[in-house]
Structures are given as structure tokens and as C-alpha cells.
PDB file of N, CA and C in Angstrom:
ATOM      1  N   MET A   1     -24.251   0.030 -13.449  1.00  0.00           N
ATOM      2  CA  MET A   1     -23.169   0.076 -14.020  1.00  0.00           C
ATOM      3  C   MET A   1     -22.292  -0.473 -13.121  1.00  0.00           C
ATOM      4  N   ILE A   2     -21.235  -1.145 -13.194  1.00  0.00           N
ATOM      5  CA  ILE A   2     -20.378  -1.670 -12.230  1.00  0.00           C
ATOM      6  C   ILE A   2     -18.866  -1.118 -12.669  1.00  0.00           C
ATOM      7  N   SER A   3     -18.139  -0.669 -11.460  1.00  0.00           N
ATOM      8  CA  SER A   3     -16.957  -0.195 -11.555  1.00  0.00           C
ATOM      9  C   SER A   3     -15.936  -1.114 -11.584  1.00  0.00           C
ATOM     10  N   ILE A   4     -14.825  -0.568 -11.880  1.00  0.00           N
ATOM     11  CA  ILE A   4     -13.567  -1.476 -11.631  1.00  0.00           C
ATOM     12  C   ILE A   4     -13.169  -1.724 -10.010  1.00  0.00           C
ATOM     13  N   GLN A   5     -13.775  -0.583  -9.514  1.00  0.00           N
ATOM     14  CA  GLN A   5     -13.691  -1.003  -7.982  1.00  0.00           C
ATOM     15  C   GLN A   5     -14.465  -2.041  -7.602  1.00  0.00           C
ATOM     16  N   ASP A   6     -15.311  -2.122  -7.786  1.00  0.00           N
ATOM     17  CA  ASP A   6     -16.362  -3.383  -7.536  1.00  0.00           C
ATOM     18  C   ASP A   6     -15.752  -4.723  -7.592  1.00  0.00           C
ATOM     19  N   HIS A   7     -14.714  -4.820  -8.353  1.00  0.00           N
ATOM     20  CA  HIS A   7     -13.967  -5.980  -8.723  1.00  0.00           C
ATOM     21  C   HIS A   7     -12.569  -5.893  -7.878  1.00  0.00           C
ATOM     22  N   LEU A   8     -12.368  -5.303  -6.900  1.00  0.00           N
ATOM     23  CA  LEU A   8     -11.135  -5.305  -6.306  1.00  0.00           C
ATOM     24  C   LEU A   8     -11.473  -5.459  -4.634  1.00  0.00           C
ATOM     25  N   GLU A   9     -10.448  -6.446  -4.265  1.00  0.00           N
ATOM     26  CA  GLU A   9     -10.833  -6.693  -2.903  1.00  0.00           C
ATOM     27  C   GLU A   9      -9.292  -6.087  -1.927  1.00  0.00           C
ATOM     28  N   ILE A  10      -9.611  -5.293  -1.048  1.00  0.00           N
ATOM     29  CA  ILE A  10      -8.567  -4.871  -0.186  1.00  0.00           C
ATOM     30  C   ILE A  10      -8.369  -5.602   1.009  1.00  0.00           C
ATOM     31  N   CYS A  11      -6.909  -6.159   1.026  1.00  0.00           N
ATOM     32  CA  CYS A  11      -6.561  -7.058   2.236  1.00  0.00           C
ATOM     33  C   CYS A  11      -5.241  -6.710   2.675  1.00  0.00           C
ATOM     34  N   ARG A  12      -5.052  -7.399   3.826  1.00  0.00           N
ATOM     35  CA  ARG A  12      -3.537  -7.333   4.434  1.00  0.00           C
ATOM     36  C   ARG A  12      -2.799  -8.422   3.600  1.00  0.00           C
ATOM     37  N   PHE A  13      -1.676  -8.043   3.201  1.00  0.00           N
ATOM     38  CA  PHE A  13      -0.781  -8.959   2.735  1.00  0.00           C
ATOM     39  C   PHE A  13       0.189  -9.822   3.451  1.00  0.00           C
ATOM     40  N   ASP A  14       0.666 -10.878   3.056  1.00  0.00           N
ATOM     41  CA  ASP A  14       1.320 -11.664   3.988  1.00  0.00           C
ATOM     42  C   ASP A  14       2.556 -12.383   3.050  1.00  0.00           C
ATOM     43  N   LYS A  15       3.482 -13.136   3.738  1.00  0.00           N
ATOM     44  CA  LYS A  15       4.606 -13.529   2.792  1.00  0.00           C
ATOM     45  C   LYS A  15       4.134 -14.374   1.448  1.00  0.00           C
ATOM     46  N   SER A  16       2.920 -14.741   1.428  1.00  0.00           N
ATOM     47  CA  SER A  16       2.596 -15.679   0.134  1.00  0.00           C
ATOM     48  C   SER A  16       2.203 -14.534  -0.930  1.00  0.00           C
ATOM     49  N   ASP A  17       2.513 -13.440  -0.586  1.00  0.00           N
ATOM     50  CA  ASP A  17       2.106 -12.334  -1.541  1.00  0.00           C
ATOM     51  C   ASP A  17       3.581 -11.617  -1.729  1.00  0.00           C
ATOM     52  N   ILE A  18       4.431 -11.954  -1.649  1.00  0.00           N
ATOM     53  CA  ILE A  18       5.983 -11.173  -1.814  1.00  0.00           C
ATOM     54  C   ILE A  18       5.930 -11.063  -3.272  1.00  0.00           C
ATOM     55  N   GLN A  19       5.795 -11.965  -4.045  1.00  0.00           N
ATOM     56  CA  GLN A  19       6.063 -11.853  -5.481  1.00  0.00           C
ATOM     57  C   GLN A  19       5.254 -11.017  -6.219  1.00  0.00           C
ATOM     58  N   GLY A  20       3.878 -10.898  -5.697  1.00  0.00           N
ATOM     59  CA  GLY A  20       2.994 -10.003  -6.042  1.00  0.00           C
ATOM     60  C   GLY A  20       3.501  -8.530  -5.910  1.00  0.00           C
ATOM     61  N   LEU A  21       3.987  -8.280  -4.850  1.00  0.00           N
ATOM     62  CA  LEU A  21       4.313  -6.888  -4.285  1.00  0.00           C
ATOM     63  C   LEU A  21       5.593  -6.463  -5.269  1.00  0.00           C
ATOM     64  N   ILE A  22       6.677  -7.472  -5.179  1.00  0.00           N
ATOM     65  CA  ILE A  22       7.444  -7.425  -6.236  1.00  0.00           C
ATOM     66  C   ILE A  22       7.345  -6.908  -7.699  1.00  0.00           C
ATOM     67  N   ASP A  23       6.228  -7.586  -8.160  1.00  0.00           N
ATOM     68  CA  ASP A  23       5.540  -7.372  -9.576  1.00  0.00           C
ATOM     69  C   ASP A  23       5.068  -5.922  -9.792  1.00  0.00           C
ATOM     70  N   LEU A  24       4.297  -5.609  -8.567  1.00  0.00           N
ATOM     71  CA  LEU A  24       3.400  -4.357  -8.308  1.00  0.00           C
ATOM     72  C   LEU A  24       4.622  -3.331  -8.617  1.00  0.00           C
ATOM     73  N   SER A  25       5.947  -3.318  -7.691  1.00  0.00           N
ATOM     74  CA  SER A  25       6.793  -2.469  -7.648  1.00  0.00           C
ATOM     75  C   SER A  25       7.453  -2.226  -9.102  1.00  0.00           C
ATOM     76  N   GLU A  26       7.749  -3.206  -9.768  1.00  0.00           N
ATOM     77  CA  GLU A  26       8.541  -3.382 -11.123  1.00  0.00           C
ATOM     78  C   GLU A  26       7.527  -2.539 -12.023  1.00  0.00           C
ATOM     79  N   SER A  27       6.008  -2.468 -11.612  1.00  0.00           N
ATOM     80  CA  SER A  27       5.134  -2.105 -12.748  1.00  0.00           C
ATOM     81  C   SER A  27       5.164  -0.734 -12.810  1.00  0.00           C
ATOM     82  N   VAL A  28       6.020   0.078 -11.508  1.00  0.00           N
ATOM     83  CA  VAL A  28       5.871   1.581 -11.688  1.00  0.00           C
ATOM     84  C   VAL A  28       7.528   1.675 -11.767  1.00  0.00           C
ATOM     85  N   GLY A  29       8.307   1.112 -11.948  1.00  0.00           N
ATOM     86  CA  GLY A  29       9.779   1.191 -12.122  1.00  0.00           C
ATOM     87  C   GLY A  29      10.624   1.171 -10.549  1.00  0.00           C
ATOM     88  N   TRP A  30       9.938   0.836  -9.676  1.00  0.00           N
ATOM     89  CA  TRP A  30      10.887   0.574  -8.405  1.00  0.00           C
ATOM     90  C   TRP A  30      11.201  -0.595  -8.174  1.00  0.00           C
ATOM     91  N   ASP A  31      12.210  -0.812  -7.370  1.00  0.00           N
ATOM     92  CA  ASP A  31      13.055  -2.020  -7.360  1.00  0.00           C
ATOM     93  C   ASP A  31      13.056  -2.966  -5.953  1.00  0.00           C
ATOM     94  N   TYR A  32      11.866  -2.946  -5.312  1.00  0.00           N
ATOM     95  CA  TYR A  32      11.723  -3.633  -3.911  1.00  0.00           C
ATOM     96  C   TYR A  32      12.111  -4.878  -4.342  1.00  0.00           C
ATOM     97  N   ASP A  33      12.816  -5.591  -3.428  1.00  0.00           N
ATOM     98  CA  ASP A  33      13.105  -6.994  -3.569  1.00  0.00           C
ATOM     99  C   ASP A  33      12.495  -7.973  -2.551  1.00  0.00           C
ATOM    100  N   ARG A  34      12.745  -9.121  -2.481  1.00  0.00           N
ATOM    101  CA  ARG A  34      11.927 -10.076  -1.347  1.00  0.00           C
ATOM    102  C   ARG A  34      12.603  -9.666   0.107  1.00  0.00           C
ATOM    103  N   SER A  35      13.926  -9.355   0.259  1.00  0.00           N
ATOM    104  CA  SER A  35      14.233  -9.126   1.330  1.00  0.00           C
ATOM    105  C   SER A  35      13.943  -7.657   2.225  1.00  0.00           C
ATOM    106  N   GLU A  36      13.592  -6.903   1.235  1.00  0.00           N
ATOM    107  CA  GLU A  36      13.052  -5.539   1.618  1.00  0.00           C
ATOM    108  C   GLU A  36      11.611  -5.866   2.172  1.00  0.00           C
ATOM    109  N   ILE A  37      10.770  -6.343   1.449  1.00  0.00           N
ATOM    110  CA  ILE A  37       9.408  -6.823   1.627  1.00  0.00           C
ATOM    111  C   ILE A  37       9.258  -7.514   2.638  1.00  0.00           C
ATOM    112  N   VAL A  38      10.248  -8.701   2.955  1.00  0.00           N
ATOM    113  CA  VAL A  38      10.101  -9.374   4.281  1.00  0.00           C
ATOM    114  C   VAL A  38      10.470  -8.510   5.249  1.00  0.00           C
ATOM    115  N   THR A  39      11.406  -7.797   5.396  1.00  0.00           N
ATOM    116  CA  THR A  39      11.499  -6.758   6.526  1.00  0.00           C
ATOM    117  C   THR A  39      10.286  -5.902   7.031  1.00  0.00           C
ATOM    118  N   VAL A  40       9.847  -5.411   5.766  1.00  0.00           N
ATOM    119  CA  VAL A  40       8.478  -4.615   6.177  1.00  0.00           C
ATOM    120  C   VAL A  40       7.377  -5.574   6.534  1.00  0.00           C
ATOM    121  N   LEU A  41       7.040  -6.590   6.301  1.00  0.00           N
ATOM    122  CA  LEU A  41       6.116  -7.422   6.520  1.00  0.00           C
ATOM    123  C   LEU A  41       6.412  -7.957   8.131  1.00  0.00           C
ATOM    124  N   GLU A  42       7.569  -8.001   8.375  1.00  0.00           N
ATOM    125  CA  GLU A  42       7.931  -8.526   9.857  1.00  0.00           C
ATOM    126  C   GLU A  42       8.005  -7.186  10.860  1.00  0.00           C
ATOM    127  N   SER A  43       8.104  -5.960  10.254  1.00  0.00           N
ATOM    128  CA  SER A  43       7.881  -4.452  10.965  1.00  0.00           C
ATOM    129  C   SER A  43       6.785  -3.909  11.036  1.00  0.00           C
ATOM    130  N   GLY A  44       5.989  -4.395  10.221  1.00  0.00           N
ATOM    131  CA  GLY A  44       4.567  -3.624  10.124  1.00  0.00           C
ATOM    132  C   GLY A  44       3.585  -4.404   9.297  1.00  0.00           C
ATOM    133  N   ALA A  45       2.837  -3.626   8.547  1.00  0.00           N
ATOM    134  CA  ALA A  45       1.749  -4.306   7.786  1.00  0.00           C
ATOM    135  C   ALA A  45       1.850  -3.580   6.435  1.00  0.00           C
ATOM    136  N   ILE A  46       1.428  -4.368   5.464  1.00  0.00           N
ATOM    137  CA  ILE A  46       1.188  -4.066   3.933  1.00  0.00           C
ATOM    138  C   ILE A  46      -0.212  -4.297   3.775  1.00  0.00           C
ATOM    139  N   TYR A  47      -1.079  -3.349   3.205  1.00  0.00           N
ATOM    140  CA  TYR A  47      -2.238  -3.406   2.843  1.00  0.00           C
ATOM    141  C   TYR A  47      -2.438  -3.249   1.231  1.00  0.00           C
ATOM    142  N   GLY A  48      -3.489  -3.876   0.538  1.00  0.00           N
ATOM    143  CA  GLY A  48      -3.750  -3.423  -0.778  1.00  0.00           C
ATOM    144  C   GLY A  48      -4.685  -3.990  -1.446  1.00  0.00           C
ATOM    145  N   HIS A  49      -4.891  -3.885  -2.748  1.00  0.00           N
ATOM    146  CA  HIS A  49      -6.106  -4.511  -3.354  1.00  0.00           C
ATOM    147  C   HIS A  49      -5.441  -5.485  -4.366  1.00  0.00           C
ATOM    148  N   LYS A  50      -6.313  -6.402  -4.392  1.00  0.00           N
ATOM    149  CA  LYS A  50      -6.073  -7.620  -5.499  1.00  0.00           C
ATOM    150  C   LYS A  50      -7.606  -7.503  -6.289  1.00  0.00           C
ATOM    151  N   ASN A  51      -7.235  -7.679  -7.790  1.00  0.00           N
ATOM    152  CA  ASN A  51      -8.291  -7.793  -8.686  1.00  0.00           C
ATOM    153  C   ASN A  51      -8.782  -9.294  -8.632  1.00  0.00           C
ATOM    154  N   VAL A  52      -9.821  -9.313  -9.715  1.00  0.00           N
ATOM    155  CA  VAL A  52     -10.619 -10.771  -9.555  1.00  0.00           C
ATOM    156  C   VAL A  52      -9.459 -11.925 -10.081  1.00  0.00           C
ATOM    157  N   THR A  53      -8.472 -11.753 -10.328  1.00  0.00           N
ATOM    158  CA  THR A  53      -7.576 -12.806 -10.720  1.00  0.00           C
ATOM    159  C   THR A  53      -6.592 -12.993  -9.789  1.00  0.00           C
ATOM    160  N   GLY A  54      -6.584 -12.218  -8.593  1.00  0.00           N
ATOM    161  CA  GLY A  54      -5.708 -12.129  -7.436  1.00  0.00           C
ATOM    162  C   GLY A  54      -4.557 -11.636  -7.634  1.00  0.00           C
ATOM    163  N   THR A  55      -4.325 -10.653  -8.886  1.00  0.00           N
ATOM    164  CA  THR A  55      -3.228 -10.064  -9.026  1.00  0.00           C
ATOM    165  C   THR A  55      -3.015  -8.911  -8.203  1.00  0.00           C
ATOM    166  N   ILE A  56      -1.919  -8.393  -7.616  1.00  0.00           N
ATOM    167  CA  ILE A  56      -1.895  -7.438  -6.577  1.00  0.00           C
ATOM    168  C   ILE A  56      -1.838  -6.123  -7.387  1.00  0.00           C
ATOM    169  N   VAL A  57      -2.859  -4.980  -7.370  1.00  0.00           N
ATOM    170  CA  VAL A  57      -2.657  -3.988  -7.958  1.00  0.00           C
ATOM    171  C   VAL A  57      -2.476  -2.479  -7.133  1.00  0.00           C
ATOM    172  N   SER A  58      -2.346  -2.727  -5.683  1.00  0.00           N
ATOM    173  CA  SER A  58      -2.091  -1.551  -5.069  1.00  0.00           C
ATOM    174  C   SER A  58      -1.472  -1.959  -3.638  1.00  0.00           C
ATOM    175  N   SER A  59      -0.858  -1.025  -3.151  1.00  0.00           N
ATOM    176  CA  SER A  59      -0.255  -1.365  -1.866  1.00  0.00           C
ATOM    177  C   SER A  59       0.317  -0.114  -1.079  1.00  0.00           C
ATOM    178  N   ALA A  60       0.166  -0.281   0.152  1.00  0.00           N
ATOM    179  CA  ALA A  60       0.632   0.792   0.949  1.00  0.00           C
ATOM    180  C   ALA A  60       1.105  -0.049   2.481  1.00  0.00           C
ATOM    181  N   ALA A  61       2.191   0.378   2.980  1.00  0.00           N
ATOM    182  CA  ALA A  61       2.792  -0.277   4.433  1.00  0.00           C
ATOM    183  C   ALA A  61       2.513   0.692   5.464  1.00  0.00           C
ATOM    184  N   ILE A  62       2.579   0.283   6.593  1.00  0.00           N
ATOM    185  CA  ILE A  62       2.649   1.109   7.762  1.00  0.00           C
ATOM    186  C   ILE A  62       3.436   0.084   8.902  1.00  0.00           C
ATOM    187  N   ILE A  63       4.179   1.034   9.403  1.00  0.00           N
ATOM    188  CA  ILE A  63       5.089   0.394  10.254  1.00  0.00           C
ATOM    189  C   ILE A  63       5.028   1.838  11.731  1.00  0.00           C
ATOM    190  N   THR A  64       4.679   0.684  12.761  1.00  0.00           N
ATOM    191  CA  THR A  64       4.365   1.321  14.008  1.00  0.00           C
ATOM    192  C   THR A  64       5.562   1.485  14.915  1.00  0.00           C
ATOM    193  N   TYR A  65       6.185   2.385  15.279  1.00  0.00           N
ATOM    194  CA  TYR A  65       7.454   2.223  15.946  1.00  0.00           C
ATOM    195  C   TYR A  65       7.231   2.481  17.408  1.00  0.00           C
ATOM    196  N   ASN A  66       6.124   2.998  18.062  1.00  0.00           N
ATOM    197  CA  ASN A  66       5.757   2.771  19.188  1.00  0.00           C
ATOM    198  C   ASN A  66       4.177   3.315  19.216  1.00  0.00           C
ATOM    199  N   SER A  67       3.509   3.274  20.226  1.00  0.00           N
ATOM    200  CA  SER A  67       2.109   3.764  20.433  1.00  0.00           C
ATOM    201  C   SER A  67       2.020   5.214  19.992  1.00  0.00           C
ATOM    202  N   TYR A  68       3.030   5.852  19.512  1.00  0.00           N
ATOM    203  CA  TYR A  68       2.811   7.648  19.283  1.00  0.00           C
ATOM    204  C   TYR A  68       3.237   7.766  17.733  1.00  0.00           C
ATOM    205  N   ILE A  69       3.810   6.909  17.178  1.00  0.00           N
ATOM    206  CA  ILE A  69       4.345   7.305  15.845  1.00  0.00           C
ATOM    207  C   ILE A  69       4.465   5.968  14.961  1.00  0.00           C
ATOM    208  N   ALA A  70       3.868   6.386  13.760  1.00  0.00           N
ATOM    209  CA  ALA A  70       3.852   5.235  12.659  1.00  0.00           C
ATOM    210  C   ALA A  70       4.460   5.959  11.423  1.00  0.00           C
ATOM    211  N   SER A  71       4.603   5.205  10.357  1.00  0.00           N
ATOM    212  CA  SER A  71       4.982   5.795   9.095  1.00  0.00           C
ATOM    213  C   SER A  71       4.542   4.522   8.178  1.00  0.00           C
ATOM    214  N   ILE A  72       4.214   5.572   7.094  1.00  0.00           N
ATOM    215  CA  ILE A  72       3.423   4.941   5.970  1.00  0.00           C
ATOM    216  C   ILE A  72       4.334   5.116   4.533  1.00  0.00           C
ATOM    217  N   GLY A  73       4.596   3.936   3.870  1.00  0.00           N
ATOM    218  CA  GLY A  73       5.463   4.282   2.755  1.00  0.00           C
ATOM    219  C   GLY A  73       4.789   3.025   1.946  1.00  0.00           C
ATOM    220  N   MET A  74       5.600   2.714   0.983  1.00  0.00           N
ATOM    221  CA  MET A  74       5.226   1.675  -0.104  1.00  0.00           C
ATOM    222  C   MET A  74       4.031   2.058  -0.654  1.00  0.00           C
ATOM    223  N   VAL A  75       3.491   3.079  -0.926  1.00  0.00           N
ATOM    224  CA  VAL A  75       2.567   3.572  -1.666  1.00  0.00           C
ATOM    225  C   VAL A  75       2.465   3.112  -3.243  1.00  0.00           C
ATOM    226  N   ILE A  76       1.998   2.371  -3.685  1.00  0.00           N
ATOM    227  CA  ILE A  76       2.122   1.886  -5.228  1.00  0.00           C
ATOM    228  C   ILE A  76       0.674   1.763  -5.801  1.00  0.00           C
ATOM    229  N   VAL A  77       0.390   2.129  -6.848  1.00  0.00           N
ATOM    230  CA  VAL A  77      -0.809   1.738  -7.607  1.00  0.00           C
ATOM    231  C   VAL A  77      -0.459   1.325  -9.023  1.00  0.00           C
ATOM    232  N   ASN A  78      -0.775   0.062  -9.595  1.00  0.00           N
ATOM    233  CA  ASN A  78      -0.431  -0.136 -10.850  1.00  0.00           C
ATOM    234  C   ASN A  78      -0.923   0.676 -12.061  1.00  0.00           C
ATOM    235  N   PRO A  79      -0.112   1.058 -12.731  1.00  0.00           N
ATOM    236  CA  PRO A  79      -0.596   2.343 -14.070  1.00  0.00           C
ATOM    237  C   PRO A  79      -1.802   2.183 -14.320  1.00  0.00           C
ATOM    238  N   SER A  80      -2.266   0.788 -14.531  1.00  0.00           N
ATOM    239  CA  SER A  80      -3.709   0.415 -15.162  1.00  0.00           C
ATOM    240  C   SER A  80      -4.690   0.937 -14.210  1.00  0.00           C
ATOM    241  N   TYR A  81      -4.601   1.107 -13.045  1.00  0.00           N
ATOM    242  CA  TYR A  81      -5.453   1.124 -11.833  1.00  0.00           C
ATOM    243  C   TYR A  81      -5.640   2.492 -11.398  1.00  0.00           C
ATOM    244  N   ARG A  82      -4.781   3.506 -11.952  1.00  0.00           N
ATOM    245  CA  ARG A  82      -4.715   4.774 -11.279  1.00  0.00           C
ATOM    246  C   ARG A  82      -5.944   5.815 -11.629  1.00  0.00           C
ATOM    247  N   GLY A  83      -6.335   6.286 -10.714  1.00  0.00           N
ATOM    248  CA  GLY A  83      -7.353   7.482 -10.875  1.00  0.00           C
ATOM    249  C   GLY A  83      -8.410   7.088 -10.358  1.00  0.00           C
ATOM    250  N   ILE A  84      -8.589   6.122  -9.689  1.00  0.00           N
ATOM    251  CA  ILE A  84      -9.923   5.677  -9.142  1.00  0.00           C
ATOM    252  C   ILE A  84      -9.759   5.572  -7.545  1.00  0.00           C
ATOM    253  N   GLY A  85      -9.198   6.156  -6.963  1.00  0.00           N
ATOM    254  CA  GLY A  85      -8.811   6.208  -5.568  1.00  0.00           C
ATOM    255  C   GLY A  85      -8.187   5.101  -4.680  1.00  0.00           C
ATOM    256  N   LEU A  86      -7.594   4.456  -5.338  1.00  0.00           N
ATOM    257  CA  LEU A  86      -6.857   3.237  -4.470  1.00  0.00           C
ATOM    258  C   LEU A  86      -6.018   3.441  -3.646  1.00  0.00           C
ATOM    259  N   ALA A  87      -5.236   4.363  -4.050  1.00  0.00           N
ATOM    260  CA  ALA A  87      -4.234   4.946  -2.921  1.00  0.00           C
ATOM    261  C   ALA A  87      -4.636   5.515  -1.913  1.00  0.00           C
ATOM    262  N   LYS A  88      -5.587   6.391  -2.025  1.00  0.00           N
ATOM    263  CA  LYS A  88      -6.335   7.154  -0.886  1.00  0.00           C
ATOM    264  C   LYS A  88      -6.976   5.962   0.032  1.00  0.00           C
ATOM    265  N   GLU A  89      -7.599   4.949  -0.470  1.00  0.00           N
ATOM    266  CA  GLU A  89      -8.110   4.148   0.171  1.00  0.00           C
ATOM    267  C   GLU A  89      -7.332   3.068   1.027  1.00  0.00           C
ATOM    268  N   VAL A  90      -6.290   2.888   0.218  1.00  0.00           N
ATOM    269  CA  VAL A  90      -5.052   1.809   0.930  1.00  0.00           C
ATOM    270  C   VAL A  90      -4.498   2.518   2.010  1.00  0.00           C
ATOM    271  N   THR A  91      -4.271   3.904   1.854  1.00  0.00           N
ATOM    272  CA  THR A  91      -3.603   4.881   2.738  1.00  0.00           C
ATOM    273  C   THR A  91      -4.381   4.756   3.930  1.00  0.00           C
ATOM    274  N   LYS A  92      -5.608   5.095   3.654  1.00  0.00           N
ATOM    275  CA  LYS A  92      -6.566   5.544   5.146  1.00  0.00           C
ATOM    276  C   LYS A  92      -6.608   4.115   5.862  1.00  0.00           C
ATOM    277  N   ARG A  93      -6.652   2.710   5.105  1.00  0.00           N
ATOM    278  CA  ARG A  93      -6.773   1.473   5.755  1.00  0.00           C
ATOM    279  C   ARG A  93      -5.619   1.444   6.623  1.00  0.00           C
ATOM    280  N   CYS A  94      -4.374   1.728   6.156  1.00  0.00           N
ATOM    281  CA  CYS A  94      -3.099   2.048   7.088  1.00  0.00           C
ATOM    282  C   CYS A  94      -3.263   2.933   8.096  1.00  0.00           C
ATOM    283  N   MET A  95      -3.908   4.045   7.861  1.00  0.00           N
ATOM    284  CA  MET A  95      -3.904   4.815   9.167  1.00  0.00           C
ATOM    285  C   MET A  95      -4.969   4.465  10.150  1.00  0.00           C
ATOM    286  N   ASP A  96      -6.005   3.736   9.692  1.00  0.00           N
ATOM    287  CA  ASP A  96      -7.158   3.136  10.525  1.00  0.00           C
ATOM    288  C   ASP A  96      -6.789   2.082  11.297  1.00  0.00           C
ATOM    289  N   SER A  97      -5.630   1.268  11.032  1.00  0.00           N
ATOM    290  CA  SER A  97      -4.932   0.225  11.870  1.00  0.00           C
ATOM    291  C   SER A  97      -4.285   0.619  13.002  1.00  0.00           C
ATOM    292  N   THR A  98      -3.992   2.071  13.032  1.00  0.00           N
ATOM    293  CA  THR A  98      -3.198   2.612  14.219  1.00  0.00           C
ATOM    294  C   THR A  98      -4.200   3.113  15.270  1.00  0.00           C
ATOM    295  N   ALA A  99      -3.494   3.366  16.597  1.00  0.00           N
ATOM    296  CA  ALA A  99      -4.457   3.825  17.454  1.00  0.00           C
ATOM    297  C   ALA A  99      -4.579   5.294  17.169  1.00  0.00           C
ATOM    298  N   GLN A 100      -5.629   5.656  17.842  1.00  0.00           N
ATOM    299  CA  GLN A 100      -6.293   6.992  17.277  1.00  0.00           C
ATOM    300  C   GLN A 100      -5.165   8.011  17.877  1.00  0.00           C
ATOM    301  N   HIS A 101      -4.405   8.026  18.693  1.00  0.00           N
ATOM    302  CA  HIS A 101      -3.593   9.184  19.033  1.00  0.00           C
ATOM    303  C   HIS A 101      -2.329   9.027  18.494  1.00  0.00           C
ATOM    304  N   THR A 102      -2.198   8.041  17.509  1.00  0.00           N
ATOM    305  CA  THR A 102      -0.839   7.784  16.932  1.00  0.00           C
ATOM    306  C   THR A 102      -0.661   9.060  15.742  1.00  0.00           C
ATOM    307  N   LYS A 103       0.552   9.543  16.115  1.00  0.00           N
ATOM    308  CA  LYS A 103       0.985  10.393  14.866  1.00  0.00           C
ATOM    309  C   LYS A 103       1.575   9.425  13.401  1.00  0.00           C
ATOM    310  N   VAL A 104       1.060  10.041  12.207  1.00  0.00           N
ATOM    311  CA  VAL A 104       1.613   9.138  11.305  1.00  0.00           C
ATOM    312  C   VAL A 104       2.327  10.178  10.177  1.00  0.00           C
ATOM    313  N   MET A 105       3.375   9.595   9.800  1.00  0.00           N
ATOM    314  CA  MET A 105       4.191  10.368   8.843  1.00  0.00           C
ATOM    315  C   MET A 105       4.355   9.745   7.787  1.00  0.00           C
ATOM    316  N   LEU A 106       4.390  10.067   6.755  1.00  0.00           N
ATOM    317  CA  LEU A 106       4.228   9.621   5.209  1.00  0.00           C
ATOM    318  C   LEU A 106       5.581  10.029   4.593  1.00  0.00           C
ATOM    319  N   ILE A 107       6.148   8.832   3.845  1.00  0.00           N
ATOM    320  CA  ILE A 107       7.351   8.918   3.063  1.00  0.00           C
ATOM    321  C   ILE A 107       6.841   8.959   1.788  1.00  0.00           C
ATOM    322  N   SER A 108       7.268  10.102   0.652  1.00  0.00           N
ATOM    323  CA  SER A 108       6.699  10.005  -0.582  1.00  0.00           C
ATOM    324  C   SER A 108       7.778  10.401  -1.394  1.00  0.00           C
ATOM    325  N   THR A 109       7.292  10.125  -2.883  1.00  0.00           N
ATOM    326  CA  THR A 109       8.314  10.455  -3.834  1.00  0.00           C
ATOM    327  C   THR A 109       7.276  11.989  -4.372  1.00  0.00           C
ATOM    328  N   ASP A 110       8.215  12.710  -5.138  1.00  0.00           N
ATOM    329  CA  ASP A 110       7.620  13.746  -5.756  1.00  0.00           C
ATOM    330  C   ASP A 110       6.436  13.597  -6.231  1.00  0.00           C
ATOM    331  N   GLU A 111       6.252  12.416  -6.981  1.00  0.00           N
ATOM    332  CA  GLU A 111       5.228  12.100  -8.015  1.00  0.00           C
ATOM    333  C   GLU A 111       3.727  11.851  -6.865  1.00  0.00           C
ATOM    334  N   GLY A 112       4.084  11.460  -5.739  1.00  0.00           N
ATOM    335  CA  GLY A 112       2.846  11.199  -4.936  1.00  0.00           C
ATOM    336  C   GLY A 112       2.516  12.138  -4.136  1.00  0.00           C
ATOM    337  N   LYS A 113       3.376  13.362  -4.054  1.00  0.00           N
ATOM    338  CA  LYS A 113       3.079  14.544  -3.174  1.00  0.00           C
ATOM    339  C   LYS A 113       1.695  15.197  -3.460  1.00  0.00           C
ATOM    340  N   PRO A 114       1.237  15.310  -4.504  1.00  0.00           N
ATOM    341  CA  PRO A 114      -0.193  15.911  -4.871  1.00  0.00           C
ATOM    342  C   PRO A 114      -1.188  15.087  -4.125  1.00  0.00           C
ATOM    343  N   LEU A 115      -1.251  13.834  -4.272  1.00  0.00           N
ATOM    344  CA  LEU A 115      -2.260  12.987  -3.596  1.00  0.00           C
ATOM    345  C   LEU A 115      -2.272  13.252  -2.054  1.00  0.00           C
ATOM    346  N   TYR A 116      -1.139  13.475  -1.445  1.00  0.00           N
ATOM    347  CA  TYR A 116      -1.097  13.530  -0.090  1.00  0.00           C
ATOM    348  C   TYR A 116      -1.619  15.073   0.434  1.00  0.00           C
ATOM    349  N   GLU A 117      -1.215  15.984  -0.641  1.00  0.00           N
ATOM    350  CA  GLU A 117      -1.500  17.408  -0.015  1.00  0.00           C
ATOM    351  C   GLU A 117      -3.072  17.739  -0.308  1.00  0.00           C
ATOM    352  N   ARG A 118      -3.775  16.877  -0.954  1.00  0.00           N
ATOM    353  CA  ARG A 118      -5.327  16.754  -0.749  1.00  0.00           C
ATOM    354  C   ARG A 118      -5.890  16.425   0.569  1.00  0.00           C
TER     355      ARG A 118
END
């Protein structure tokens, strides 16, 4: 049996993915715009999943402020892809991109809080 996860590719996004990230944001009622996403891309990294058609279905951003602290935000999963561990996987990818001794803080909505408490 093939799961939906078998058809998803995790990658680091770049400026060519801005519209897809805006669309993902809108899918959950958020309002990230081009300038906000450019700022995040220039300040850090955004990772996420694309489906077989190249549509972005998840994201998480990490900004490293120095070698001791980083911040994760912009954790979004398209409602059609929730419940299969994408947020956990992309958040882990962000954390793995930092130095081992870096402290990572997370910015979360109340809706996302249960994910991170686990």
C-alpha cells in the first residue's frame, strides 16, 4: 500500500516558490505576502513538502540569529494533508539545519500548540 507521504518531496524553498508559499498561507487563512516571504528567505530558510504536481503542501521556516539561538515559525500544513506528520517532519528538518548546540525557540498559534507539546 502506498501512502500519500510516499508522493511528497521535502525541499528547501527559494524565491521561485514565493507564490506557492502565499497560496499555502491562504489555504489556512493566513496572509503572508511576497515581501514577508522574501524577508524570511533572505534571513533564514524555509523547508516544506511538495506533492507530485509541485504544489507546496507544508512549510516551516528557521531563522538563526547567531550560533546560539534560532527561531522556527511559518509552520503551515494544507488542510488536505494534515494528520500524516508533515509538520513534525518539516519542523525537525529546520532543527536539523542548525548547529547541535543552538537553542531553538518556536513561535506558534494556539492551534499549533498541541503539536509542539508532544
